[in-house]
Amino acid sequence: MPLHHISLNVADIDEAREFYLAALKPLGYKLAMSFQEGKVLGFGVGWSYDFWLASCDAENAKGEKKSTEPTGPTHIAFAASNREQVRKFYEAAIAAGGKCNGPPGLRPEYLATYYGAFVLDPDGRNLEAVCLKPGFIADSWGLAGWSAALAVVGAVGGGIAQWTGWI
């Protein structure tokens, strides 16, 4: 089954809110829910609120403090629809105060088409945006780009067919 949601404790909820609003915007995330006077925040795309932040002084359902410390070292990878989203995530996260932990690029040691970017959030967690689609699918080529690609494929295919005697 896929993961439904994750929640992290943060040292400074206001700083974290601003950082994550900026960093996750290129991936389509918005602040969707807020509880306990802004001490618990839910982010998501559409109706899926899958990423949550909680201030260290937020309370659980029993009225008890959730934690006294932020969540420790963590790696969270957000899915990107294309490589441009990965690049925009990285730029937005850095502009919002994140620290580079690996610029956008291919990571063939993981998978031949693995394209990711890594940023440390204000509490030092390793955030990533990743796209697994091959470049020719993941990047927007536009009508001219795809037309040129199809023309090349057609010319090569036609040449092979003629050379082998199929036409």
N, C-alpha and C. Protein backbone atom coordinates (compact mmCIF):
# COMPACT_ATOMS: atom_id res chain seq x y z
N MET A 1 0.83 -1.19 0.00
CA MET A 1 0.00 0.00 0.00
C MET A 1 0.87 1.25 0.00
N PRO A 2 0.42 2.31 -0.65
CA PRO A 2 1.19 3.55 -0.64
C PRO A 2 1.10 4.24 0.72
N LEU A 3 2.08 5.06 1.00
CA LEU A 3 2.11 5.85 2.22
C LEU A 3 0.97 6.88 2.17
N HIS A 4 0.24 7.05 3.26
CA HIS A 4 -0.87 7.99 3.29
C HIS A 4 -0.43 9.39 3.69
N HIS A 5 0.35 9.51 4.77
CA HIS A 5 0.87 10.82 5.16
C HIS A 5 2.02 10.66 6.14
N ILE A 6 2.74 11.75 6.31
CA ILE A 6 3.86 11.79 7.24
C ILE A 6 3.78 13.10 8.01
N SER A 7 4.19 13.06 9.27
CA SER A 7 4.19 14.26 10.11
C SER A 7 5.55 14.43 10.76
N LEU A 8 6.05 15.66 10.74
CA LEU A 8 7.35 15.97 11.33
C LEU A 8 7.20 17.01 12.42
N ASN A 9 7.92 16.86 13.50
CA ASN A 9 8.01 17.90 14.52
C ASN A 9 9.08 18.89 14.10
N VAL A 10 8.78 20.17 14.24
CA VAL A 10 9.72 21.21 13.83
C VAL A 10 10.02 22.15 15.00
N ALA A 11 11.21 22.71 15.00
CA ALA A 11 11.64 23.61 16.07
C ALA A 11 10.89 24.94 16.01
N ASP A 12 10.69 25.48 14.80
CA ASP A 12 10.05 26.78 14.63
C ASP A 12 8.97 26.63 13.57
N ILE A 13 7.71 26.54 13.99
CA ILE A 13 6.61 26.29 13.05
C ILE A 13 6.44 27.42 12.04
N ASP A 14 6.67 28.66 12.44
CA ASP A 14 6.53 29.78 11.51
C ASP A 14 7.59 29.72 10.41
N GLU A 15 8.83 29.48 10.80
CA GLU A 15 9.92 29.35 9.82
C GLU A 15 9.67 28.16 8.90
N ALA A 16 9.24 27.04 9.48
CA ALA A 16 8.99 25.84 8.68
C ALA A 16 7.84 26.07 7.71
N ARG A 17 6.76 26.74 8.16
CA ARG A 17 5.62 27.01 7.28
C ARG A 17 6.07 27.80 6.06
N GLU A 18 6.81 28.87 6.27
CA GLU A 18 7.25 29.70 5.14
C GLU A 18 8.20 28.93 4.22
N PHE A 19 9.11 28.16 4.80
CA PHE A 19 10.05 27.37 3.99
C PHE A 19 9.29 26.36 3.13
N TYR A 20 8.40 25.58 3.74
CA TYR A 20 7.71 24.53 3.00
C TYR A 20 6.69 25.09 2.01
N LEU A 21 6.04 26.20 2.33
CA LEU A 21 5.14 26.82 1.36
C LEU A 21 5.90 27.16 0.08
N ALA A 22 7.09 27.73 0.22
CA ALA A 22 7.90 28.11 -0.95
C ALA A 22 8.49 26.89 -1.64
N ALA A 23 9.08 25.98 -0.87
CA ALA A 23 9.79 24.83 -1.46
C ALA A 23 8.85 23.87 -2.17
N LEU A 24 7.65 23.66 -1.64
CA LEU A 24 6.74 22.67 -2.21
C LEU A 24 5.78 23.24 -3.24
N LYS A 25 5.73 24.56 -3.38
CA LYS A 25 4.83 25.18 -4.36
C LYS A 25 5.08 24.67 -5.79
N PRO A 26 6.33 24.54 -6.25
CA PRO A 26 6.54 24.03 -7.61
C PRO A 26 6.01 22.60 -7.82
N LEU A 27 5.81 21.86 -6.74
CA LEU A 27 5.29 20.50 -6.84
C LEU A 27 3.77 20.47 -6.69
N GLY A 28 3.16 21.64 -6.58
CA GLY A 28 1.70 21.73 -6.50
C GLY A 28 1.14 21.70 -5.09
N TYR A 29 2.00 21.69 -4.08
CA TYR A 29 1.55 21.63 -2.69
C TYR A 29 1.04 22.99 -2.22
N LYS A 30 0.00 22.93 -1.37
CA LYS A 30 -0.54 24.12 -0.73
C LYS A 30 -0.80 23.81 0.74
N LEU A 31 -0.84 24.85 1.55
CA LEU A 31 -1.24 24.68 2.94
C LEU A 31 -2.74 24.41 2.92
N ALA A 32 -3.15 23.24 3.38
CA ALA A 32 -4.55 22.83 3.27
C ALA A 32 -5.30 22.87 4.59
N MET A 33 -4.61 22.61 5.69
CA MET A 33 -5.27 22.57 6.99
C MET A 33 -4.36 23.15 8.06
N SER A 34 -4.99 23.69 9.10
CA SER A 34 -4.25 24.24 10.23
C SER A 34 -5.04 23.98 11.51
N PHE A 35 -4.38 23.45 12.52
CA PHE A 35 -5.01 23.16 13.80
C PHE A 35 -4.20 23.79 14.93
N GLN A 36 -4.81 23.84 16.10
CA GLN A 36 -4.15 24.34 17.31
C GLN A 36 -3.48 25.70 17.08
N GLU A 37 -4.26 26.61 16.52
CA GLU A 37 -3.77 27.97 16.27
C GLU A 37 -2.48 27.99 15.46
N GLY A 38 -2.42 27.15 14.44
CA GLY A 38 -1.26 27.12 13.54
C GLY A 38 -0.09 26.29 14.02
N LYS A 39 -0.26 25.53 15.10
CA LYS A 39 0.84 24.69 15.59
C LYS A 39 0.92 23.36 14.85
N VAL A 40 -0.15 22.99 14.13
CA VAL A 40 -0.17 21.77 13.33
C VAL A 40 -0.66 22.16 11.94
N LEU A 41 0.14 21.85 10.91
CA LEU A 41 -0.15 22.28 9.54
C LEU A 41 -0.16 21.08 8.60
N GLY A 42 -1.17 21.02 7.73
CA GLY A 42 -1.25 19.97 6.73
C GLY A 42 -1.09 20.54 5.33
N PHE A 43 -0.17 19.98 4.56
CA PHE A 43 0.08 20.41 3.18
C PHE A 43 -0.34 19.29 2.24
N GLY A 44 -0.76 19.65 1.03
CA GLY A 44 -1.10 18.61 0.08
C GLY A 44 -1.38 19.17 -1.30
N VAL A 45 -1.66 18.22 -2.21
CA VAL A 45 -2.04 18.52 -3.58
C VAL A 45 -3.48 18.04 -3.73
N GLY A 46 -4.39 18.92 -4.15
CA GLY A 46 -5.79 18.53 -4.26
C GLY A 46 -6.36 18.17 -2.89
N TRP A 47 -7.00 17.01 -2.82
CA TRP A 47 -7.62 16.56 -1.57
C TRP A 47 -6.71 15.67 -0.76
N SER A 48 -5.50 15.48 -1.16
CA SER A 48 -4.57 14.61 -0.45
C SER A 48 -3.64 15.45 0.42
N TYR A 49 -3.85 15.41 1.73
CA TYR A 49 -3.01 16.15 2.67
C TYR A 49 -2.00 15.17 3.25
N ASP A 50 -0.90 14.99 2.56
CA ASP A 50 0.02 13.90 2.91
C ASP A 50 1.27 14.35 3.65
N PHE A 51 1.43 15.66 3.86
CA PHE A 51 2.64 16.15 4.52
C PHE A 51 2.24 17.10 5.64
N TRP A 52 2.63 16.75 6.86
CA TRP A 52 2.21 17.51 8.04
C TRP A 52 3.42 17.98 8.84
N LEU A 53 3.27 19.17 9.43
CA LEU A 53 4.27 19.72 10.34
C LEU A 53 3.60 20.02 11.67
N ALA A 54 4.32 19.76 12.75
CA ALA A 54 3.79 20.07 14.08
C ALA A 54 4.87 20.77 14.90
N SER A 55 4.47 21.84 15.54
CA SER A 55 5.37 22.53 16.46
C SER A 55 5.68 21.61 17.63
N CYS A 56 6.86 21.73 18.17
CA CYS A 56 7.24 20.88 19.32
C CYS A 56 6.33 21.11 20.52
N ASP A 57 5.64 22.25 20.57
CA ASP A 57 4.73 22.48 21.70
C ASP A 57 3.27 22.20 21.36
N ALA A 58 3.01 21.55 20.22
CA ALA A 58 1.64 21.14 19.88
C ALA A 58 1.23 19.99 20.81
N GLU A 59 -0.09 19.84 20.97
CA GLU A 59 -0.61 18.79 21.85
C GLU A 59 -1.20 17.65 21.04
N ASN A 60 -1.19 16.44 21.64
CA ASN A 60 -1.84 15.30 21.01
C ASN A 60 -3.32 15.29 21.42
N ALA A 61 -4.06 14.26 21.02
CA ALA A 61 -5.49 14.19 21.30
C ALA A 61 -5.80 14.17 22.79
N LYS A 62 -4.87 13.74 23.62
CA LYS A 62 -5.07 13.68 25.07
C LYS A 62 -4.69 14.99 25.75
N GLY A 63 -4.25 15.98 24.98
CA GLY A 63 -3.84 17.25 25.56
C GLY A 63 -2.41 17.26 26.05
N GLU A 64 -1.65 16.24 25.70
CA GLU A 64 -0.25 16.14 26.12
C GLU A 64 0.65 16.73 25.04
N LYS A 65 1.80 17.23 25.44
CA LYS A 65 2.77 17.73 24.47
C LYS A 65 3.24 16.57 23.61
N LYS A 66 3.31 16.80 22.29
CA LYS A 66 3.71 15.74 21.36
C LYS A 66 5.18 15.36 21.53
N SER A 67 6.02 16.36 21.58
CA SER A 67 7.46 16.11 21.64
C SER A 67 8.14 17.38 22.11
N THR A 68 9.32 17.22 22.62
CA THR A 68 10.06 18.40 23.05
C THR A 68 11.16 18.76 22.06
N GLU A 69 11.35 17.92 21.04
CA GLU A 69 12.42 18.15 20.07
C GLU A 69 11.92 17.92 18.66
N PRO A 70 12.53 18.58 17.69
CA PRO A 70 12.15 18.33 16.30
C PRO A 70 12.53 16.91 15.89
N THR A 71 11.83 16.42 14.87
CA THR A 71 12.16 15.11 14.32
C THR A 71 13.62 15.13 13.87
N GLY A 72 14.35 14.08 14.17
CA GLY A 72 15.77 14.00 13.85
C GLY A 72 16.04 13.86 12.37
N PRO A 73 17.28 13.52 12.02
CA PRO A 73 17.66 13.39 10.62
C PRO A 73 16.69 12.48 9.85
N THR A 74 16.17 13.02 8.78
CA THR A 74 15.16 12.33 8.00
C THR A 74 15.39 12.64 6.53
N HIS A 75 15.05 11.70 5.66
CA HIS A 75 15.11 11.92 4.22
C HIS A 75 13.70 11.72 3.67
N ILE A 76 13.17 12.75 3.02
CA ILE A 76 11.84 12.68 2.43
C ILE A 76 11.96 13.05 0.96
N ALA A 77 11.47 12.17 0.09
CA ALA A 77 11.50 12.42 -1.35
C ALA A 77 10.09 12.68 -1.85
N PHE A 78 9.90 13.81 -2.50
CA PHE A 78 8.62 14.18 -3.10
C PHE A 78 8.67 13.86 -4.59
N ALA A 79 7.60 13.26 -5.11
CA ALA A 79 7.54 12.91 -6.53
C ALA A 79 7.28 14.17 -7.36
N ALA A 80 8.03 14.31 -8.42
CA ALA A 80 7.84 15.42 -9.37
C ALA A 80 7.34 14.84 -10.68
N SER A 81 6.48 15.58 -11.36
CA SER A 81 5.92 15.11 -12.64
C SER A 81 6.93 15.19 -13.78
N ASN A 82 7.87 16.13 -13.65
CA ASN A 82 8.86 16.29 -14.71
C ASN A 82 10.13 16.90 -14.12
N ARG A 83 11.15 16.97 -14.91
CA ARG A 83 12.45 17.47 -14.43
C ARG A 83 12.42 18.97 -14.14
N GLU A 84 11.58 19.69 -14.84
CA GLU A 84 11.45 21.13 -14.58
C GLU A 84 10.93 21.36 -13.16
N GLN A 85 9.99 20.53 -12.71
CA GLN A 85 9.50 20.65 -11.33
C GLN A 85 10.63 20.41 -10.33
N VAL A 86 11.51 19.47 -10.63
CA VAL A 86 12.65 19.20 -9.75
C VAL A 86 13.52 20.45 -9.65
N ARG A 87 13.81 21.05 -10.80
CA ARG A 87 14.65 22.25 -10.81
C ARG A 87 13.98 23.41 -10.06
N LYS A 88 12.67 23.59 -10.27
CA LYS A 88 11.95 24.68 -9.60
C LYS A 88 11.86 24.44 -8.09
N PHE A 89 11.67 23.19 -7.68
CA PHE A 89 11.67 22.85 -6.25
C PHE A 89 13.00 23.28 -5.64
N TYR A 90 14.09 22.90 -6.29
CA TYR A 90 15.43 23.21 -5.78
C TYR A 90 15.63 24.72 -5.65
N GLU A 91 15.31 25.45 -6.71
CA GLU A 91 15.48 26.91 -6.70
C GLU A 91 14.64 27.56 -5.61
N ALA A 92 13.38 27.13 -5.48
CA ALA A 92 12.49 27.71 -4.47
C ALA A 92 12.96 27.39 -3.06
N ALA A 93 13.40 26.16 -2.84
CA ALA A 93 13.86 25.76 -1.50
C ALA A 93 15.12 26.52 -1.11
N ILE A 94 16.04 26.69 -2.04
CA ILE A 94 17.27 27.44 -1.75
C ILE A 94 16.93 28.91 -1.47
N ALA A 95 16.04 29.48 -2.29
CA ALA A 95 15.64 30.88 -2.09
C ALA A 95 14.93 31.08 -0.75
N ALA A 96 14.28 30.02 -0.25
CA ALA A 96 13.56 30.11 1.03
C ALA A 96 14.47 29.84 2.23
N GLY A 97 15.76 29.63 1.99
CA GLY A 97 16.70 29.43 3.08
C GLY A 97 17.23 28.03 3.25
N GLY A 98 16.84 27.12 2.36
CA GLY A 98 17.37 25.76 2.42
C GLY A 98 18.84 25.72 2.02
N LYS A 99 19.51 24.64 2.38
CA LYS A 99 20.92 24.48 2.03
C LYS A 99 21.06 23.35 1.02
N CYS A 100 21.88 23.57 0.00
CA CYS A 100 22.10 22.57 -1.04
C CYS A 100 22.69 21.29 -0.44
N ASN A 101 22.08 20.17 -0.81
CA ASN A 101 22.61 18.87 -0.42
C ASN A 101 22.76 17.99 -1.66
N GLY A 102 22.71 18.63 -2.83
CA GLY A 102 22.85 17.95 -4.11
C GLY A 102 22.01 18.65 -5.16
N PRO A 103 22.63 19.36 -6.11
CA PRO A 103 21.88 20.12 -7.11
C PRO A 103 21.10 19.20 -8.06
N PRO A 104 20.15 19.75 -8.81
CA PRO A 104 19.38 18.94 -9.76
C PRO A 104 20.30 18.23 -10.74
N GLY A 105 20.01 16.98 -10.99
CA GLY A 105 20.79 16.22 -11.95
C GLY A 105 20.46 14.74 -11.92
N LEU A 106 21.01 14.04 -12.90
CA LEU A 106 20.84 12.59 -12.96
C LEU A 106 21.62 11.93 -11.84
N ARG A 107 21.08 10.86 -11.32
CA ARG A 107 21.73 10.04 -10.29
C ARG A 107 21.73 8.59 -10.79
N PRO A 108 22.55 8.27 -11.80
CA PRO A 108 22.52 6.93 -12.40
C PRO A 108 22.91 5.83 -11.43
N GLU A 109 23.56 6.18 -10.31
CA GLU A 109 23.89 5.15 -9.32
C GLU A 109 22.63 4.60 -8.68
N TYR A 110 21.51 5.35 -8.74
CA TYR A 110 20.23 4.86 -8.21
C TYR A 110 19.43 4.15 -9.30
N LEU A 111 19.32 4.81 -10.46
CA LEU A 111 18.55 4.31 -11.60
C LEU A 111 18.95 5.17 -12.79
N ALA A 112 18.98 4.60 -13.96
CA ALA A 112 19.46 5.33 -15.14
C ALA A 112 18.70 6.63 -15.38
N THR A 113 17.41 6.66 -15.08
CA THR A 113 16.61 7.86 -15.34
C THR A 113 16.33 8.69 -14.09
N TYR A 114 16.99 8.38 -12.98
CA TYR A 114 16.73 9.05 -11.70
C TYR A 114 17.25 10.49 -11.76
N TYR A 115 16.33 11.45 -11.71
CA TYR A 115 16.68 12.87 -11.75
C TYR A 115 16.19 13.51 -10.46
N GLY A 116 17.09 13.97 -9.62
CA GLY A 116 16.69 14.50 -8.33
C GLY A 116 17.49 15.71 -7.90
N ALA A 117 16.97 16.38 -6.88
CA ALA A 117 17.65 17.50 -6.25
C ALA A 117 17.42 17.38 -4.75
N PHE A 118 18.44 17.73 -3.96
CA PHE A 118 18.41 17.56 -2.52
C PHE A 118 18.67 18.89 -1.81
N VAL A 119 17.86 19.18 -0.79
CA VAL A 119 17.98 20.41 -0.03
C VAL A 119 17.77 20.09 1.45
N LEU A 120 18.56 20.71 2.32
CA LEU A 120 18.34 20.57 3.76
C LEU A 120 17.39 21.66 4.23
N ASP A 121 16.36 21.26 4.99
CA ASP A 121 15.39 22.24 5.50
C ASP A 121 15.96 22.95 6.73
N PRO A 122 15.23 23.90 7.33
CA PRO A 122 15.78 24.65 8.48
C PRO A 122 16.18 23.78 9.67
N ASP A 123 15.59 22.58 9.82
CA ASP A 123 15.97 21.68 10.91
C ASP A 123 16.99 20.63 10.47
N GLY A 124 17.51 20.74 9.24
CA GLY A 124 18.55 19.83 8.77
C GLY A 124 18.06 18.55 8.12
N ARG A 125 16.76 18.44 7.86
CA ARG A 125 16.25 17.24 7.19
C ARG A 125 16.57 17.31 5.70
N ASN A 126 16.84 16.15 5.11
CA ASN A 126 17.19 16.05 3.70
C ASN A 126 15.92 15.89 2.87
N LEU A 127 15.55 16.94 2.14
CA LEU A 127 14.38 16.90 1.27
C LEU A 127 14.84 16.69 -0.16
N GLU A 128 14.02 15.99 -0.90
CA GLU A 128 14.36 15.69 -2.29
C GLU A 128 13.11 15.81 -3.15
N ALA A 129 13.30 16.27 -4.37
CA ALA A 129 12.28 16.15 -5.41
C ALA A 129 12.90 15.24 -6.45
N VAL A 130 12.11 14.25 -6.93
CA VAL A 130 12.65 13.26 -7.85
C VAL A 130 11.66 12.97 -8.97
N CYS A 131 12.20 12.82 -10.17
CA CYS A 131 11.44 12.41 -11.34
C CYS A 131 12.16 11.20 -11.94
N LEU A 132 11.42 10.13 -12.16
CA LEU A 132 12.03 8.91 -12.70
C LEU A 132 11.81 8.73 -14.19
N LYS A 133 11.08 9.63 -14.81
CA LYS A 133 10.80 9.51 -16.24
C LYS A 133 12.06 9.83 -17.05
N PRO A 134 12.24 9.16 -18.19
CA PRO A 134 13.37 9.50 -19.07
C PRO A 134 13.26 10.96 -19.54
N GLY A 135 14.38 11.57 -19.84
CA GLY A 135 14.41 12.97 -20.23
C GLY A 135 13.51 13.32 -21.39
N PHE A 136 13.41 12.44 -22.38
CA PHE A 136 12.60 12.78 -23.55
C PHE A 136 11.12 12.79 -23.22
N ILE A 137 10.72 12.19 -22.11
CA ILE A 137 9.33 12.24 -21.66
C ILE A 137 9.17 13.30 -20.57
N ALA A 138 10.15 13.40 -19.69
CA ALA A 138 10.04 14.24 -18.51
C ALA A 138 10.20 15.73 -18.78
N ASP A 139 10.86 16.11 -19.83
CA ASP A 139 11.03 17.53 -20.13
C ASP A 139 10.06 17.93 -21.23
N SER A 140 9.56 19.14 -21.14
CA SER A 140 8.61 19.62 -22.13
C SER A 140 9.34 20.03 -23.40
N TRP A 141 9.12 19.29 -24.42
CA TRP A 141 9.76 19.61 -25.69
C TRP A 141 8.90 20.54 -26.54
N GLY A 142 7.63 20.61 -26.29
CA GLY A 142 6.73 21.43 -27.08
C GLY A 142 6.47 20.79 -28.44
N LEU A 143 5.59 21.40 -29.20
CA LEU A 143 5.19 20.88 -30.50
C LEU A 143 6.37 20.82 -31.47
N ALA A 144 7.19 21.86 -31.49
CA ALA A 144 8.34 21.88 -32.40
C ALA A 144 9.34 20.79 -32.05
N GLY A 145 9.60 20.62 -30.76
CA GLY A 145 10.56 19.59 -30.33
C GLY A 145 10.10 18.19 -30.67
N TRP A 146 8.83 17.90 -30.37
CA TRP A 146 8.31 16.56 -30.68
C TRP A 146 8.21 16.35 -32.20
N SER A 147 7.87 17.40 -32.94
CA SER A 147 7.79 17.28 -34.41
C SER A 147 9.16 16.94 -34.98
N ALA A 148 10.20 17.61 -34.48
CA ALA A 148 11.56 17.33 -34.94
C ALA A 148 11.97 15.92 -34.56
N ALA A 149 11.66 15.50 -33.35
CA ALA A 149 12.01 14.15 -32.90
C ALA A 149 11.32 13.10 -33.76
N LEU A 150 10.04 13.30 -34.04
CA LEU A 150 9.30 12.34 -34.87
C LEU A 150 9.82 12.33 -36.31
N ALA A 151 10.24 13.49 -36.81
CA ALA A 151 10.80 13.55 -38.16
C ALA A 151 12.09 12.75 -38.24
N VAL A 152 12.94 12.86 -37.23
CA VAL A 152 14.20 12.10 -37.19
C VAL A 152 13.90 10.61 -37.11
N VAL A 153 12.98 10.22 -36.23
CA VAL A 153 12.63 8.80 -36.10
C VAL A 153 12.07 8.28 -37.42
N GLY A 154 11.21 9.07 -38.05
CA GLY A 154 10.64 8.66 -39.33
C GLY A 154 11.70 8.51 -40.41
N ALA A 155 12.62 9.46 -40.47
CA ALA A 155 13.68 9.41 -41.48
C ALA A 155 14.59 8.20 -41.25
N VAL A 156 14.96 7.96 -40.01
CA VAL A 156 15.81 6.81 -39.70
C VAL A 156 15.07 5.52 -40.00
N GLY A 157 13.81 5.45 -39.57
CA GLY A 157 13.01 4.25 -39.83
C GLY A 157 12.84 4.01 -41.32
N GLY A 158 12.59 5.07 -42.07
CA GLY A 158 12.44 4.94 -43.52
C GLY A 158 13.73 4.50 -44.18
N GLY A 159 14.85 5.05 -43.71
CA GLY A 159 16.15 4.66 -44.26
C GLY A 159 16.45 3.19 -44.00
N ILE A 160 16.17 2.74 -42.80
CA ILE A 160 16.39 1.32 -42.46
C ILE A 160 15.49 0.44 -43.30
N ALA A 161 14.22 0.84 -43.44
CA ALA A 161 13.29 0.03 -44.23
C ALA A 161 13.74 -0.06 -45.69
N GLN A 162 14.22 1.05 -46.25
CA GLN A 162 14.68 1.04 -47.63
C GLN A 162 15.96 0.22 -47.76
N TRP A 163 16.87 0.35 -46.83
CA TRP A 163 18.14 -0.36 -46.85
C TRP A 163 17.94 -1.88 -46.75
N THR A 164 16.97 -2.28 -45.95
CA THR A 164 16.71 -3.72 -45.78
C THR A 164 15.78 -4.27 -46.85
N GLY A 165 15.25 -3.41 -47.71
CA GLY A 165 14.39 -3.87 -48.79
C GLY A 165 12.92 -3.98 -48.41
N TRP A 166 12.54 -3.44 -47.30
CA TRP A 166 11.12 -3.50 -46.92
C TRP A 166 10.28 -2.57 -47.78
N ILE A 167 10.90 -1.49 -48.30
CA ILE A 167 10.14 -0.59 -49.18
C ILE A 167 10.93 -0.35 -50.44
